[in-house]
Amino acid sequence: MVWDLPTRLFHWSFVASIIGAYVSGENDATAAHEYFGLAAFGLLVFRLIWGFIGHETARFSSFIKPLGLIVGYLVALVKRTAPHYAGHNPAGGLAVIALLSIMAAMAVTGLWTGDDILYEGPLTAWAPELFADWAPMMGNWHEELHIVVIPIVALHVLAIIVHRLWLREKLVSRMISGRDFEADTPSPIDTRRTRLGLVLLAVCLAGSLSLSLLTPSY
């Protein structure tokens, strides 16, 4: 087993939240956009914690690599001699950090987004008093970051296609089943840690979605 159940649930829930947030935002479905955004926020909180206490392949320490190793992997990738990794390879780990960072910035700025007319974010009322224009500023950043989301998601999808066609690695099926069919022997999964991860995931999602109760109604 290469991907534990909490990591897989996080992954596909995060995909759904990103798609839902983007589609609802483009169609001015404010309430739905807020819920999808809050779900993404809760998932990101879970992933941050799980990156330190989760199973080995889920931990940041297992896939955050030095620049030299990343460059070396990319060179080997071009030559079609890239070694097989259980979990994220060095370049994939960098891409994951970039994607999580962008989406975290999107989620956090969304919490304070407001225009005093049509919408106020869940935490707008708790904006720092030193910044009178805090909510509009967060809203501007939210819009600006929105432009970066599609390219970085597209790059992520492109990487999956390259690995499938160029290296014959089935990354999607790994994230569905959790199994690494290219590995010689499966890695054991700690069932107690898995249960902890599932509880943590549920708590983070419930906590983030409950922030919608703080959103002013108009």
N, C-alpha and C. Protein backbone atom coordinates (compact mmCIF):
# COMPACT_ATOMS: atom_id res chain seq x y z
N MET A 1 0.86 -1.20 0.00
CA MET A 1 0.00 0.00 0.00
C MET A 1 0.89 1.24 0.00
N VAL A 2 0.64 2.14 -0.97
CA VAL A 2 1.47 3.33 -1.06
C VAL A 2 0.74 4.58 -0.58
N TRP A 3 -0.59 4.62 -0.78
CA TRP A 3 -1.37 5.77 -0.31
C TRP A 3 -2.42 5.29 0.68
N ASP A 4 -2.38 5.83 1.89
CA ASP A 4 -3.35 5.45 2.90
C ASP A 4 -4.72 6.03 2.59
N LEU A 5 -5.75 5.51 3.22
CA LEU A 5 -7.12 5.93 2.95
C LEU A 5 -7.36 7.42 3.24
N PRO A 6 -6.90 7.97 4.37
CA PRO A 6 -7.11 9.40 4.61
C PRO A 6 -6.51 10.28 3.51
N THR A 7 -5.33 9.91 3.02
CA THR A 7 -4.69 10.70 1.96
C THR A 7 -5.51 10.62 0.68
N ARG A 8 -6.01 9.44 0.36
CA ARG A 8 -6.81 9.29 -0.86
C ARG A 8 -8.13 10.06 -0.76
N LEU A 9 -8.77 9.98 0.41
CA LEU A 9 -10.01 10.74 0.59
C LEU A 9 -9.75 12.24 0.50
N PHE A 10 -8.65 12.66 1.10
CA PHE A 10 -8.28 14.07 0.99
C PHE A 10 -8.11 14.46 -0.47
N HIS A 11 -7.36 13.65 -1.21
CA HIS A 11 -7.04 13.99 -2.60
C HIS A 11 -8.29 14.20 -3.44
N TRP A 12 -9.18 13.22 -3.44
CA TRP A 12 -10.36 13.31 -4.31
C TRP A 12 -11.37 14.33 -3.79
N SER A 13 -11.45 14.51 -2.48
CA SER A 13 -12.32 15.56 -1.94
C SER A 13 -11.78 16.93 -2.29
N PHE A 14 -10.46 17.05 -2.29
CA PHE A 14 -9.83 18.32 -2.65
C PHE A 14 -10.06 18.64 -4.12
N VAL A 15 -9.95 17.63 -4.97
CA VAL A 15 -10.25 17.81 -6.40
C VAL A 15 -11.68 18.31 -6.57
N ALA A 16 -12.62 17.66 -5.88
CA ALA A 16 -14.03 18.05 -5.99
C ALA A 16 -14.26 19.47 -5.48
N SER A 17 -13.58 19.84 -4.39
CA SER A 17 -13.76 21.18 -3.83
C SER A 17 -13.21 22.26 -4.75
N ILE A 18 -12.08 21.98 -5.40
CA ILE A 18 -11.49 22.94 -6.33
C ILE A 18 -12.40 23.14 -7.53
N ILE A 19 -12.87 22.04 -8.10
CA ILE A 19 -13.78 22.13 -9.26
C ILE A 19 -15.06 22.85 -8.87
N GLY A 20 -15.62 22.45 -7.72
CA GLY A 20 -16.87 23.08 -7.27
C GLY A 20 -16.71 24.56 -7.00
N ALA A 21 -15.59 24.94 -6.37
CA ALA A 21 -15.36 26.35 -6.08
C ALA A 21 -15.19 27.15 -7.36
N TYR A 22 -14.47 26.58 -8.32
CA TYR A 22 -14.24 27.31 -9.57
C TYR A 22 -15.55 27.48 -10.37
N VAL A 23 -16.30 26.39 -10.52
CA VAL A 23 -17.54 26.45 -11.29
C VAL A 23 -18.56 27.38 -10.63
N SER A 24 -18.72 27.26 -9.31
CA SER A 24 -19.68 28.11 -8.60
C SER A 24 -19.25 29.57 -8.64
N GLY A 25 -17.94 29.81 -8.54
CA GLY A 25 -17.45 31.19 -8.61
C GLY A 25 -17.68 31.81 -9.97
N GLU A 26 -17.47 31.04 -11.02
CA GLU A 26 -17.66 31.54 -12.38
C GLU A 26 -19.14 31.80 -12.68
N ASN A 27 -20.03 31.14 -11.96
CA ASN A 27 -21.47 31.29 -12.20
C ASN A 27 -22.16 32.10 -11.12
N ASP A 28 -21.36 32.84 -10.32
CA ASP A 28 -21.90 33.73 -9.29
C ASP A 28 -22.80 33.01 -8.29
N ALA A 29 -22.54 31.75 -8.04
CA ALA A 29 -23.28 31.00 -7.01
C ALA A 29 -22.53 31.18 -5.69
N THR A 30 -22.77 32.32 -5.05
CA THR A 30 -21.96 32.73 -3.90
C THR A 30 -22.01 31.73 -2.75
N ALA A 31 -23.20 31.26 -2.40
CA ALA A 31 -23.33 30.34 -1.26
C ALA A 31 -22.56 29.05 -1.53
N ALA A 32 -22.75 28.49 -2.72
CA ALA A 32 -22.05 27.24 -3.06
C ALA A 32 -20.54 27.47 -3.09
N HIS A 33 -20.14 28.62 -3.62
CA HIS A 33 -18.71 28.94 -3.69
C HIS A 33 -18.11 29.00 -2.28
N GLU A 34 -18.85 29.56 -1.36
CA GLU A 34 -18.36 29.64 0.02
C GLU A 34 -18.19 28.26 0.62
N TYR A 35 -19.18 27.40 0.44
CA TYR A 35 -19.11 26.06 1.01
C TYR A 35 -17.96 25.26 0.42
N PHE A 36 -17.79 25.34 -0.88
CA PHE A 36 -16.67 24.62 -1.52
C PHE A 36 -15.33 25.18 -1.03
N GLY A 37 -15.27 26.51 -0.89
CA GLY A 37 -14.04 27.12 -0.41
C GLY A 37 -13.72 26.74 1.02
N LEU A 38 -14.75 26.71 1.87
CA LEU A 38 -14.54 26.30 3.27
C LEU A 38 -14.14 24.83 3.36
N ALA A 39 -14.73 24.00 2.49
CA ALA A 39 -14.34 22.59 2.46
C ALA A 39 -12.88 22.45 2.09
N ALA A 40 -12.45 23.23 1.08
CA ALA A 40 -11.04 23.20 0.67
C ALA A 40 -10.14 23.65 1.82
N PHE A 41 -10.57 24.65 2.57
CA PHE A 41 -9.80 25.14 3.70
C PHE A 41 -9.62 24.05 4.76
N GLY A 42 -10.72 23.38 5.09
CA GLY A 42 -10.65 22.31 6.07
C GLY A 42 -9.76 21.16 5.61
N LEU A 43 -9.85 20.83 4.33
CA LEU A 43 -9.01 19.77 3.77
C LEU A 43 -7.53 20.15 3.83
N LEU A 44 -7.25 21.42 3.58
CA LEU A 44 -5.86 21.89 3.63
C LEU A 44 -5.31 21.84 5.06
N VAL A 45 -6.15 22.18 6.04
CA VAL A 45 -5.73 22.09 7.44
C VAL A 45 -5.40 20.64 7.77
N PHE A 46 -6.28 19.73 7.33
CA PHE A 46 -6.01 18.31 7.55
C PHE A 46 -4.69 17.90 6.91
N ARG A 47 -4.47 18.31 5.66
CA ARG A 47 -3.26 17.88 4.95
C ARG A 47 -2.00 18.42 5.60
N LEU A 48 -2.09 19.63 6.14
CA LEU A 48 -0.94 20.20 6.84
C LEU A 48 -0.58 19.35 8.06
N ILE A 49 -1.58 18.98 8.83
CA ILE A 49 -1.34 18.16 10.02
C ILE A 49 -0.87 16.76 9.61
N TRP A 50 -1.56 16.18 8.63
CA TRP A 50 -1.25 14.82 8.18
C TRP A 50 0.14 14.74 7.56
N GLY A 51 0.63 15.86 7.07
CA GLY A 51 1.97 15.88 6.50
C GLY A 51 3.06 15.68 7.54
N PHE A 52 2.69 15.77 8.81
CA PHE A 52 3.65 15.56 9.89
C PHE A 52 3.39 14.27 10.68
N ILE A 53 2.12 13.85 10.76
CA ILE A 53 1.80 12.69 11.60
C ILE A 53 1.24 11.52 10.80
N GLY A 54 1.08 11.68 9.50
CA GLY A 54 0.48 10.63 8.68
C GLY A 54 1.44 9.50 8.37
N HIS A 55 1.00 8.59 7.50
CA HIS A 55 1.85 7.50 7.06
C HIS A 55 3.04 8.04 6.26
N GLU A 56 4.04 7.21 6.07
CA GLU A 56 5.31 7.66 5.54
C GLU A 56 5.19 8.43 4.23
N THR A 57 4.47 7.90 3.24
CA THR A 57 4.41 8.57 1.95
C THR A 57 3.62 9.88 2.01
N ALA A 58 2.82 10.06 3.05
CA ALA A 58 2.03 11.29 3.18
C ALA A 58 2.82 12.41 3.84
N ARG A 59 3.92 12.07 4.47
CA ARG A 59 4.68 13.06 5.23
C ARG A 59 5.51 13.95 4.30
N PHE A 60 5.57 15.23 4.64
CA PHE A 60 6.35 16.18 3.84
C PHE A 60 7.82 15.76 3.77
N SER A 61 8.30 15.17 4.84
CA SER A 61 9.71 14.77 4.88
C SER A 61 10.04 13.72 3.83
N SER A 62 9.01 13.01 3.34
CA SER A 62 9.27 11.94 2.37
C SER A 62 9.33 12.45 0.94
N PHE A 63 8.79 13.67 0.68
CA PHE A 63 8.80 14.13 -0.71
C PHE A 63 9.29 15.56 -0.92
N ILE A 64 9.66 16.26 0.11
CA ILE A 64 10.31 17.56 -0.07
C ILE A 64 11.81 17.31 -0.18
N LYS A 65 12.34 17.49 -1.39
CA LYS A 65 13.72 17.12 -1.69
C LYS A 65 14.56 18.34 -2.05
N PRO A 66 15.90 18.22 -1.94
CA PRO A 66 16.80 19.32 -2.34
C PRO A 66 16.68 19.62 -3.83
N LEU A 67 17.03 20.85 -4.21
CA LEU A 67 16.91 21.28 -5.60
C LEU A 67 17.71 20.39 -6.53
N GLY A 68 18.90 19.99 -6.11
CA GLY A 68 19.74 19.15 -6.96
C GLY A 68 19.08 17.83 -7.31
N LEU A 69 18.39 17.24 -6.35
CA LEU A 69 17.71 15.98 -6.59
C LEU A 69 16.52 16.17 -7.53
N ILE A 70 15.84 17.31 -7.39
CA ILE A 70 14.71 17.61 -8.28
C ILE A 70 15.19 17.77 -9.72
N VAL A 71 16.26 18.54 -9.91
CA VAL A 71 16.81 18.74 -11.25
C VAL A 71 17.29 17.41 -11.84
N GLY A 72 17.95 16.61 -11.01
CA GLY A 72 18.42 15.31 -11.47
C GLY A 72 17.28 14.42 -11.92
N TYR A 73 16.18 14.47 -11.18
CA TYR A 73 15.01 13.66 -11.56
C TYR A 73 14.43 14.13 -12.89
N LEU A 74 14.35 15.44 -13.08
CA LEU A 74 13.81 15.97 -14.33
C LEU A 74 14.67 15.59 -15.53
N VAL A 75 15.99 15.61 -15.34
CA VAL A 75 16.90 15.19 -16.41
C VAL A 75 16.66 13.71 -16.74
N ALA A 76 16.54 12.89 -15.70
CA ALA A 76 16.29 11.46 -15.91
C ALA A 76 14.93 11.23 -16.55
N LEU A 77 13.97 12.08 -16.22
CA LEU A 77 12.64 11.97 -16.80
C LEU A 77 12.69 12.18 -18.31
N VAL A 78 13.43 13.20 -18.73
CA VAL A 78 13.57 13.48 -20.16
C VAL A 78 14.22 12.29 -20.87
N LYS A 79 15.19 11.67 -20.20
CA LYS A 79 15.90 10.53 -20.79
C LYS A 79 15.12 9.22 -20.65
N ARG A 80 14.01 9.31 -19.98
CA ARG A 80 13.14 8.14 -19.73
C ARG A 80 13.82 7.11 -18.82
N THR A 81 14.69 7.60 -17.97
CA THR A 81 15.38 6.72 -17.03
C THR A 81 15.07 7.09 -15.58
N ALA A 82 14.01 7.84 -15.37
CA ALA A 82 13.66 8.29 -14.02
C ALA A 82 13.36 7.10 -13.13
N PRO A 83 13.93 7.05 -11.93
CA PRO A 83 13.69 5.93 -11.02
C PRO A 83 12.25 5.94 -10.50
N HIS A 84 11.79 4.78 -10.10
CA HIS A 84 10.44 4.66 -9.55
C HIS A 84 10.44 5.06 -8.08
N TYR A 85 9.45 5.84 -7.69
CA TYR A 85 9.31 6.26 -6.29
C TYR A 85 7.97 5.77 -5.75
N ALA A 86 7.99 5.26 -4.55
CA ALA A 86 6.74 4.98 -3.84
C ALA A 86 6.28 6.30 -3.24
N GLY A 87 5.15 6.77 -3.69
CA GLY A 87 4.72 8.10 -3.28
C GLY A 87 5.13 9.14 -4.30
N HIS A 88 5.33 10.37 -3.85
CA HIS A 88 5.69 11.45 -4.77
C HIS A 88 7.17 11.38 -5.14
N ASN A 89 7.46 11.57 -6.41
CA ASN A 89 8.86 11.72 -6.82
C ASN A 89 9.30 13.15 -6.48
N PRO A 90 10.60 13.48 -6.59
CA PRO A 90 11.08 14.82 -6.20
C PRO A 90 10.37 15.96 -6.91
N ALA A 91 10.14 15.83 -8.22
CA ALA A 91 9.46 16.89 -8.97
C ALA A 91 7.98 16.95 -8.59
N GLY A 92 7.38 15.79 -8.41
CA GLY A 92 5.97 15.74 -8.00
C GLY A 92 5.76 16.34 -6.63
N GLY A 93 6.71 16.10 -5.73
CA GLY A 93 6.61 16.69 -4.39
C GLY A 93 6.63 18.20 -4.43
N LEU A 94 7.50 18.75 -5.29
CA LEU A 94 7.56 20.21 -5.45
C LEU A 94 6.24 20.74 -6.00
N ALA A 95 5.67 20.02 -6.97
CA ALA A 95 4.40 20.44 -7.56
C ALA A 95 3.27 20.41 -6.53
N VAL A 96 3.29 19.41 -5.67
CA VAL A 96 2.27 19.31 -4.63
C VAL A 96 2.35 20.49 -3.67
N ILE A 97 3.56 20.82 -3.25
CA ILE A 97 3.74 21.96 -2.34
C ILE A 97 3.26 23.25 -3.00
N ALA A 98 3.57 23.43 -4.29
CA ALA A 98 3.14 24.64 -5.01
C ALA A 98 1.62 24.71 -5.08
N LEU A 99 0.99 23.59 -5.42
CA LEU A 99 -0.47 23.56 -5.54
C LEU A 99 -1.14 23.81 -4.19
N LEU A 100 -0.65 23.15 -3.15
CA LEU A 100 -1.24 23.34 -1.82
C LEU A 100 -1.05 24.78 -1.34
N SER A 101 0.09 25.37 -1.65
CA SER A 101 0.36 26.75 -1.22
C SER A 101 -0.58 27.74 -1.90
N ILE A 102 -0.76 27.57 -3.21
CA ILE A 102 -1.67 28.46 -3.95
C ILE A 102 -3.10 28.31 -3.44
N MET A 103 -3.55 27.07 -3.27
CA MET A 103 -4.91 26.85 -2.83
C MET A 103 -5.12 27.30 -1.38
N ALA A 104 -4.08 27.19 -0.56
CA ALA A 104 -4.18 27.68 0.81
C ALA A 104 -4.34 29.19 0.81
N ALA A 105 -3.58 29.87 -0.04
CA ALA A 105 -3.71 31.33 -0.14
C ALA A 105 -5.11 31.72 -0.62
N MET A 106 -5.64 30.95 -1.57
CA MET A 106 -6.99 31.21 -2.06
C MET A 106 -8.02 31.04 -0.94
N ALA A 107 -7.88 29.94 -0.18
CA ALA A 107 -8.85 29.65 0.87
C ALA A 107 -8.78 30.68 1.99
N VAL A 108 -7.58 31.05 2.40
CA VAL A 108 -7.42 31.99 3.51
C VAL A 108 -7.91 33.38 3.12
N THR A 109 -7.56 33.85 1.94
CA THR A 109 -8.04 35.18 1.52
C THR A 109 -9.56 35.18 1.37
N GLY A 110 -10.13 34.04 1.00
CA GLY A 110 -11.58 33.97 0.86
C GLY A 110 -12.31 34.13 2.18
N LEU A 111 -11.65 33.79 3.29
CA LEU A 111 -12.29 33.92 4.60
C LEU A 111 -12.59 35.37 4.95
N TRP A 112 -11.80 36.31 4.41
CA TRP A 112 -11.98 37.73 4.73
C TRP A 112 -12.51 38.54 3.56
N THR A 113 -12.80 37.89 2.46
CA THR A 113 -13.27 38.62 1.28
C THR A 113 -14.61 39.30 1.57
N GLY A 114 -14.73 40.56 1.18
CA GLY A 114 -15.98 41.27 1.37
C GLY A 114 -16.02 42.58 0.62
N ASP A 115 -17.24 43.02 0.27
CA ASP A 115 -17.39 44.29 -0.44
C ASP A 115 -18.38 45.23 0.25
N ASP A 116 -18.87 44.84 1.44
CA ASP A 116 -19.82 45.66 2.22
C ASP A 116 -21.19 45.79 1.55
N ILE A 117 -21.40 45.10 0.43
CA ILE A 117 -22.68 45.24 -0.27
C ILE A 117 -23.33 43.87 -0.49
N LEU A 118 -22.67 43.04 -1.31
CA LEU A 118 -23.25 41.76 -1.69
C LEU A 118 -22.78 40.59 -0.85
N TYR A 119 -21.56 40.68 -0.33
CA TYR A 119 -21.02 39.53 0.38
C TYR A 119 -19.99 39.94 1.42
N GLU A 120 -20.02 39.26 2.53
CA GLU A 120 -18.99 39.40 3.56
C GLU A 120 -18.54 38.00 3.94
N GLY A 121 -17.24 37.77 3.99
CA GLY A 121 -16.71 36.47 4.34
C GLY A 121 -16.94 36.13 5.80
N PRO A 122 -16.76 34.87 6.17
CA PRO A 122 -17.01 34.43 7.54
C PRO A 122 -16.21 35.19 8.59
N LEU A 123 -15.00 35.63 8.25
CA LEU A 123 -14.14 36.28 9.24
C LEU A 123 -13.98 37.79 8.99
N THR A 124 -14.77 38.34 8.10
CA THR A 124 -14.64 39.77 7.79
C THR A 124 -14.85 40.64 9.02
N ALA A 125 -15.79 40.26 9.87
CA ALA A 125 -16.07 41.04 11.09
C ALA A 125 -14.90 41.03 12.05
N TRP A 126 -13.99 40.06 11.90
CA TRP A 126 -12.83 39.93 12.76
C TRP A 126 -11.55 40.40 12.05
N ALA A 127 -11.72 41.23 11.04
CA ALA A 127 -10.55 41.75 10.32
C ALA A 127 -9.73 42.64 11.25
N PRO A 128 -8.40 42.65 11.09
CA PRO A 128 -7.54 43.49 11.95
C PRO A 128 -7.94 44.95 11.87
N GLU A 129 -8.10 45.60 13.02
CA GLU A 129 -8.55 47.00 13.05
C GLU A 129 -7.52 47.95 12.44
N LEU A 130 -6.27 47.53 12.41
CA LEU A 130 -5.22 48.39 11.85
C LEU A 130 -5.35 48.54 10.33
N PHE A 131 -6.11 47.63 9.70
CA PHE A 131 -6.26 47.66 8.25
C PHE A 131 -7.72 47.91 7.90
N ALA A 132 -8.05 49.16 7.63
CA ALA A 132 -9.44 49.53 7.34
C ALA A 132 -9.93 48.87 6.06
N ASP A 133 -9.02 48.66 5.11
CA ASP A 133 -9.41 48.07 3.83
C ASP A 133 -9.01 46.61 3.73
N TRP A 134 -8.96 45.93 4.89
CA TRP A 134 -8.50 44.54 4.92
C TRP A 134 -9.35 43.63 4.02
N ALA A 135 -10.69 43.71 4.15
CA ALA A 135 -11.57 42.84 3.38
C ALA A 135 -11.43 43.07 1.87
N PRO A 136 -11.49 44.35 1.39
CA PRO A 136 -11.28 44.56 -0.04
C PRO A 136 -9.91 44.09 -0.52
N MET A 137 -8.89 44.27 0.32
CA MET A 137 -7.56 43.82 -0.05
C MET A 137 -7.52 42.31 -0.20
N MET A 138 -8.14 41.60 0.75
CA MET A 138 -8.20 40.14 0.66
C MET A 138 -8.99 39.71 -0.57
N GLY A 139 -10.05 40.46 -0.87
CA GLY A 139 -10.84 40.15 -2.06
C GLY A 139 -10.03 40.31 -3.34
N ASN A 140 -9.21 41.36 -3.39
CA ASN A 140 -8.35 41.58 -4.57
C ASN A 140 -7.34 40.45 -4.72
N TRP A 141 -6.74 40.07 -3.60
CA TRP A 141 -5.78 38.96 -3.66
C TRP A 141 -6.47 37.67 -4.09
N HIS A 142 -7.67 37.47 -3.60
CA HIS A 142 -8.44 36.27 -3.97
C HIS A 142 -8.66 36.22 -5.47
N GLU A 143 -8.98 37.36 -6.05
CA GLU A 143 -9.20 37.44 -7.50
C GLU A 143 -7.90 37.24 -8.27
N GLU A 144 -6.83 37.84 -7.80
CA GLU A 144 -5.54 37.73 -8.49
C GLU A 144 -5.04 36.28 -8.47
N LEU A 145 -5.15 35.64 -7.32
CA LEU A 145 -4.69 34.26 -7.21
C LEU A 145 -5.52 33.32 -8.07
N HIS A 146 -6.76 33.69 -8.29
CA HIS A 146 -7.66 32.90 -9.12
C HIS A 146 -7.05 32.65 -10.50
N ILE A 147 -6.28 33.62 -11.00
CA ILE A 147 -5.68 33.51 -12.33
C ILE A 147 -4.62 32.41 -12.37
N VAL A 148 -4.00 32.15 -11.23
CA VAL A 148 -2.89 31.18 -11.18
C VAL A 148 -3.40 29.74 -11.07
N VAL A 149 -4.64 29.58 -10.60
CA VAL A 149 -5.14 28.25 -10.29
C VAL A 149 -5.19 27.35 -11.53
N ILE A 150 -5.79 27.85 -12.62
CA ILE A 150 -5.94 27.01 -13.81
C ILE A 150 -4.60 26.54 -14.36
N PRO A 151 -3.59 27.41 -14.53
CA PRO A 151 -2.30 26.93 -15.03
C PRO A 151 -1.65 25.87 -14.15
N ILE A 152 -1.72 26.06 -12.83
CA ILE A 152 -1.03 25.10 -11.95
C ILE A 152 -1.79 23.77 -11.89
N VAL A 153 -3.12 23.82 -12.00
CA VAL A 153 -3.89 22.58 -12.07
C VAL A 153 -3.63 21.88 -13.40
N ALA A 154 -3.57 22.67 -14.48
CA ALA A 154 -3.29 22.10 -15.79
C ALA A 154 -1.91 21.44 -15.82
N LEU A 155 -0.94 22.05 -15.16
CA LEU A 155 0.40 21.47 -15.08
C LEU A 155 0.37 20.15 -14.32
N HIS A 156 -0.44 20.11 -13.28
CA HIS A 156 -0.58 18.88 -12.49
C HIS A 156 -1.16 17.76 -13.35
N VAL A 157 -2.19 18.07 -14.12
CA VAL A 157 -2.82 17.07 -15.00
C VAL A 157 -1.84 16.63 -16.09
N LEU A 158 -1.10 17.60 -16.63
CA LEU A 158 -0.11 17.28 -17.67
C LEU A 158 0.94 16.32 -17.13
N ALA A 159 1.38 16.53 -15.91
CA ALA A 159 2.38 15.65 -15.30
C ALA A 159 1.85 14.22 -15.18
N ILE A 160 0.57 14.09 -14.84
CA ILE A 160 -0.04 12.76 -14.74
C ILE A 160 -0.04 12.07 -16.10
N ILE A 161 -0.37 12.83 -17.14
CA ILE A 161 -0.39 12.27 -18.50
C ILE A 161 1.00 11.85 -18.95
N VAL A 162 1.99 12.71 -18.65
CA VAL A 162 3.38 12.40 -19.03
C VAL A 162 3.84 11.12 -18.35
N HIS A 163 3.54 10.98 -17.08
CA HIS A 163 3.95 9.78 -16.35
C HIS A 163 3.25 8.53 -16.90
N ARG A 164 2.01 8.70 -17.33
CA ARG A 164 1.28 7.54 -17.87
C ARG A 164 1.81 7.12 -19.24
N LEU A 165 2.06 8.09 -20.12
CA LEU A 165 2.46 7.78 -21.48
C LEU A 165 3.97 7.59 -21.64
N TRP A 166 4.74 8.35 -20.86
CA TRP A 166 6.20 8.34 -21.03
C TRP A 166 6.87 7.29 -20.14
N LEU A 167 6.43 7.21 -18.87
CA LEU A 167 7.05 6.29 -17.93
C LEU A 167 6.17 5.07 -17.62
N ARG A 168 4.96 5.05 -18.17
CA ARG A 168 4.04 3.94 -17.93
C ARG A 168 3.68 3.79 -16.46
N GLU A 169 3.64 4.89 -15.75
CA GLU A 169 3.25 4.87 -14.34
C GLU A 169 1.79 5.29 -14.20
N LYS A 170 1.01 4.46 -13.55
CA LYS A 170 -0.43 4.71 -13.41
C LYS A 170 -0.70 5.45 -12.10
N LEU A 171 -0.45 6.75 -12.12
CA LEU A 171 -0.58 7.54 -10.90
C LEU A 171 -2.02 7.63 -10.42
N VAL A 172 -2.96 7.72 -11.36
CA VAL A 172 -4.36 7.87 -10.97
C VAL A 172 -4.87 6.60 -10.29
N SER A 173 -4.56 5.44 -10.87
CA SER A 173 -5.02 4.18 -10.28
C SER A 173 -4.39 3.96 -8.90
N ARG A 174 -3.17 4.45 -8.70
CA ARG A 174 -2.54 4.36 -7.38
C ARG A 174 -3.34 5.16 -6.36
N MET A 175 -3.77 6.36 -6.76
CA MET A 175 -4.49 7.22 -5.82
C MET A 175 -5.91 6.74 -5.59
N ILE A 176 -6.43 5.88 -6.47
CA ILE A 176 -7.76 5.30 -6.26
C ILE A 176 -7.68 4.07 -5.36
N SER A 177 -6.78 3.15 -5.70
CA SER A 177 -6.69 1.90 -4.95
C SER A 177 -5.77 1.99 -3.74
N GLY A 178 -4.81 2.91 -3.80
CA GLY A 178 -3.81 3.00 -2.75
C GLY A 178 -2.63 2.09 -2.99
N ARG A 179 -2.73 1.20 -3.96
CA ARG A 179 -1.68 0.22 -4.22
C ARG A 179 -0.72 0.70 -5.29
N ASP A 180 0.53 0.35 -5.13
CA ASP A 180 1.57 0.65 -6.12
C ASP A 180 1.90 -0.65 -6.84
N PHE A 181 1.31 -0.82 -8.03
CA PHE A 181 1.46 -2.07 -8.74
C PHE A 181 2.87 -2.26 -9.32
N GLU A 182 3.65 -1.17 -9.39
CA GLU A 182 5.01 -1.29 -9.90
C GLU A 182 6.01 -1.69 -8.81
N ALA A 183 5.58 -1.61 -7.56
CA ALA A 183 6.49 -1.93 -6.46
C ALA A 183 6.60 -3.43 -6.27
N ASP A 184 7.74 -3.87 -5.78
CA ASP A 184 7.96 -5.29 -5.58
C ASP A 184 7.12 -5.83 -4.42
N THR A 185 7.11 -5.10 -3.32
CA THR A 185 6.36 -5.54 -2.15
C THR A 185 5.54 -4.38 -1.61
N PRO A 186 4.31 -4.63 -1.15
CA PRO A 186 3.48 -3.56 -0.60
C PRO A 186 3.98 -3.09 0.75
N SER A 187 3.79 -1.81 1.03
CA SER A 187 4.17 -1.25 2.33
C SER A 187 3.01 -1.42 3.30
N PRO A 188 3.28 -1.80 4.55
CA PRO A 188 2.21 -1.98 5.53
C PRO A 188 1.60 -0.64 5.94
N ILE A 189 0.33 -0.67 6.28
CA ILE A 189 -0.38 0.52 6.73
C ILE A 189 -0.84 0.30 8.17
N ASP A 190 -0.58 1.26 9.02
CA ASP A 190 -0.98 1.21 10.42
C ASP A 190 -2.46 1.54 10.51
N THR A 191 -3.28 0.56 10.87
CA THR A 191 -4.73 0.77 10.90
C THR A 191 -5.14 1.79 11.95
N ARG A 192 -4.43 1.84 13.07
CA ARG A 192 -4.76 2.82 14.10
C ARG A 192 -4.49 4.24 13.61
N ARG A 193 -3.40 4.40 12.89
CA ARG A 193 -3.08 5.72 12.34
C ARG A 193 -4.11 6.10 11.27
N THR A 194 -4.56 5.11 10.51
CA THR A 194 -5.58 5.36 9.50
C THR A 194 -6.87 5.85 10.15
N ARG A 195 -7.29 5.19 11.23
CA ARG A 195 -8.50 5.63 11.93
C ARG A 195 -8.33 7.04 12.48
N LEU A 196 -7.15 7.33 13.01
CA LEU A 196 -6.87 8.68 13.50
C LEU A 196 -7.00 9.69 12.36
N GLY A 197 -6.48 9.32 11.19
CA GLY A 197 -6.55 10.22 10.04
C GLY A 197 -7.98 10.48 9.59
N LEU A 198 -8.81 9.46 9.62
CA LEU A 198 -10.20 9.62 9.21
C LEU A 198 -10.95 10.53 10.17
N VAL A 199 -10.69 10.36 11.47
CA VAL A 199 -11.32 11.23 12.47
C VAL A 199 -10.84 12.67 12.29
N LEU A 200 -9.54 12.83 12.09
CA LEU A 200 -8.98 14.16 11.90
C LEU A 200 -9.56 14.83 10.67
N LEU A 201 -9.70 14.07 9.59
CA LEU A 201 -10.28 14.62 8.36
C LEU A 201 -11.70 15.10 8.59
N ALA A 202 -12.50 14.29 9.29
CA ALA A 202 -13.89 14.66 9.57
C ALA A 202 -13.96 15.90 10.46
N VAL A 203 -13.11 15.98 11.46
CA VAL A 203 -13.10 17.12 12.38
C VAL A 203 -12.71 18.40 11.64
N CYS A 204 -11.69 18.32 10.80
CA CYS A 204 -11.24 19.50 10.05
C CYS A 204 -12.31 20.00 9.09
N LEU A 205 -12.98 19.06 8.43
CA LEU A 205 -14.05 19.45 7.51
C LEU A 205 -15.24 20.06 8.26
N ALA A 206 -15.63 19.43 9.35
CA ALA A 206 -16.76 19.94 10.13
C ALA A 206 -16.44 21.32 10.69
N GLY A 207 -15.21 21.49 11.17
CA GLY A 207 -14.82 22.78 11.72
C GLY A 207 -14.80 23.88 10.68
N SER A 208 -14.27 23.57 9.51
CA SER A 208 -14.19 24.60 8.47
C SER A 208 -15.58 24.95 7.93
N LEU A 209 -16.42 23.96 7.72
CA LEU A 209 -17.77 24.22 7.20
C LEU A 209 -18.61 24.99 8.21
N SER A 210 -18.34 24.79 9.50
CA SER A 210 -19.09 25.50 10.53
C SER A 210 -18.81 27.01 10.51
N LEU A 211 -17.71 27.41 9.88
CA LEU A 211 -17.41 28.84 9.76
C LEU A 211 -18.47 29.57 8.94
N SER A 212 -19.23 28.83 8.15
CA SER A 212 -20.29 29.46 7.35
C SER A 212 -21.35 30.09 8.26
N LEU A 213 -21.44 29.62 9.51
CA LEU A 213 -22.40 30.19 10.45
C LEU A 213 -22.05 31.62 10.81
N LEU A 214 -20.80 32.01 10.59
CA LEU A 214 -20.35 33.37 10.90
C LEU A 214 -20.60 34.34 9.75
N THR A 215 -20.96 33.80 8.58
CA THR A 215 -21.20 34.65 7.42
C THR A 215 -22.46 35.47 7.60
N PRO A 216 -22.39 36.79 7.51
CA PRO A 216 -23.61 37.63 7.64
C PRO A 216 -24.62 37.29 6.56
N SER A 217 -25.90 37.31 6.92
CA SER A 217 -26.97 37.08 5.94
C SER A 217 -27.52 38.41 5.51
N TYR A 218 -27.86 38.49 4.23
CA TYR A 218 -28.38 39.75 3.68
C TYR A 218 -29.80 39.56 3.18
